[in-house]
Each structure stands twice: as C-alpha cells, then as structure tokens.
Amino acid sequence: MTPDAPVDVRHATVMTDGCTPDRALRVSRLIFNHLQGLLARQCLHPGVPRVVPHLRVPSLEVDWDAMDDEAIAREGAAWIYRWLGTVG
C-alpha cells in the first residue's frame, strides 16, 4: 500500500442499541471516513504497519440521543485510532 492509498475497510459492525438502521449506516460510514483520514496521516511515517488483518475494538458507549452523527463518528474514529496504538 502506498502512503497515499486509502485504508480499505472490508467489514465493520457498529452496535446501535435501538438506533434506526439508516442512522446506523450513516454513522458507521462517517466513522470510517474519519478513521481513514487519521490512518492516512499516520501512514506517511515510514515503518508504520499499514495492514491490520483483523481488529476487534472494545465497546465505546455514546449517547445516541444527545450526540449528532458527526460527533459520534469523530468519537468512534478517535476511539478506534487510540486503541490501534495499544495493539502491535
């Protein structure tokens, strides 16, 4: 993968606890768009692994009623990104 190549997300599951399917899909897409940006910047540094074959991230609790989709997506992407820093 070249440093400017997008991160390829093959499969993701976002547990929504009663959120509508349309909103869940929208938020999951936003999460991975934000995550791609974070990871793309990280991949500019030599020696950083660019492929994660399988990743299971611990749950992150968000308030679907109090947060808008962008806020949830930013929080979710940041959570996954921080968690990636703990595996290796």
Protein backbone atom coordinates (compact mmCIF):
# COMPACT_ATOMS: atom_id res chain seq x y z
CA MET A 1 0.00 0.00 0.00
CA THR A 2 1.40 3.38 -0.91
CA PRO A 3 1.33 6.13 1.74
CA ASP A 4 -1.44 8.00 -0.08
CA ALA A 5 -3.61 4.90 -0.63
CA PRO A 6 -6.89 4.85 1.26
CA VAL A 7 -7.34 2.49 4.17
CA ASP A 8 -9.51 -0.39 2.99
CA VAL A 9 -12.27 -1.35 5.41
CA ARG A 10 -13.73 -4.68 4.33
CA HIS A 11 -16.22 -5.27 7.13
CA ALA A 12 -17.40 -3.36 10.17
CA THR A 13 -20.18 -3.80 12.67
CA VAL A 14 -21.49 -0.88 14.67
CA MET A 15 -23.72 -1.89 17.57
CA THR A 16 -26.50 0.67 17.73
CA ASP A 17 -28.82 -0.31 20.60
CA GLY A 18 -32.09 0.80 19.07
CA CYS A 19 -30.82 3.41 16.62
CA THR A 20 -32.60 3.41 13.27
CA PRO A 21 -30.90 1.34 10.54
CA ASP A 22 -30.47 4.42 8.32
CA ARG A 23 -28.75 6.38 11.07
CA ALA A 24 -26.57 3.40 12.00
CA LEU A 25 -25.40 3.08 8.39
CA ARG A 26 -24.75 6.82 8.10
CA VAL A 27 -22.78 6.90 11.37
CA SER A 28 -20.73 3.80 10.52
CA ARG A 29 -19.75 5.35 7.16
CA LEU A 30 -18.81 8.59 8.88
CA ILE A 31 -16.73 6.73 11.49
CA PHE A 32 -14.68 5.01 8.84
CA ASN A 33 -14.30 8.17 6.76
CA HIS A 34 -12.84 9.90 9.82
CA LEU A 35 -10.71 6.85 10.64
CA GLN A 36 -9.33 6.74 7.09
CA GLY A 37 -8.13 10.31 7.49
CA LEU A 38 -6.45 9.58 10.81
CA LEU A 39 -4.76 6.44 9.48
CA ALA A 40 -3.73 8.05 6.19
CA ARG A 41 -1.83 10.72 8.11
CA GLN A 42 -0.18 8.03 10.26
CA CYS A 43 0.86 6.06 7.15
CA LEU A 44 3.00 8.96 5.99
CA HIS A 45 5.59 7.86 8.57
CA PRO A 46 7.99 5.07 7.49
CA GLY A 47 7.86 1.82 9.42
CA VAL A 48 4.21 2.14 10.42
CA PRO A 49 2.20 -1.02 9.69
CA ARG A 50 -0.41 -0.35 7.02
CA VAL A 51 -2.39 -3.59 7.17
CA VAL A 52 -4.44 -4.83 10.10
CA PRO A 53 -5.92 -8.19 9.06
CA HIS A 54 -8.47 -8.37 11.88
CA LEU A 55 -9.33 -5.97 14.65
CA ARG A 56 -11.79 -6.27 17.48
CA VAL A 57 -12.13 -2.99 19.35
CA PRO A 58 -13.67 -2.76 22.82
CA SER A 59 -17.07 -1.08 23.01
CA LEU A 60 -17.42 2.66 23.24
CA GLU A 61 -20.58 3.98 24.85
CA VAL A 62 -22.13 7.02 23.17
CA ASP A 63 -25.40 8.81 23.80
CA TRP A 64 -27.31 8.46 20.53
CA ASP A 65 -29.96 10.92 21.74
CA ALA A 66 -27.60 13.66 22.91
CA MET A 67 -24.95 13.50 20.16
CA ASP A 68 -25.26 14.26 16.47
CA ASP A 69 -23.94 11.85 13.83
CA GLU A 70 -20.70 13.76 13.19
CA ALA A 71 -19.87 13.91 16.91
CA ILE A 72 -20.48 10.18 17.28
CA ALA A 73 -18.36 9.48 14.19
CA ARG A 74 -15.45 11.62 15.41
CA GLU A 75 -15.59 9.99 18.84
CA GLY A 76 -15.78 6.49 17.32
CA ALA A 77 -12.90 7.08 14.91
CA ALA A 78 -10.72 8.58 17.65
CA TRP A 79 -11.53 5.63 19.93
CA ILE A 80 -10.51 3.08 17.27
CA TYR A 81 -7.38 5.08 16.41
CA ARG A 82 -6.30 5.30 20.06
CA TRP A 83 -6.98 1.60 20.51
CA LEU A 84 -4.85 0.76 17.46
CA GLY A 85 -1.95 2.39 19.28
CA THR A 86 -2.26 -0.21 22.06
CA VAL A 87 -2.04 -3.27 19.80
CA GLY A 88 1.01 -4.37 17.97
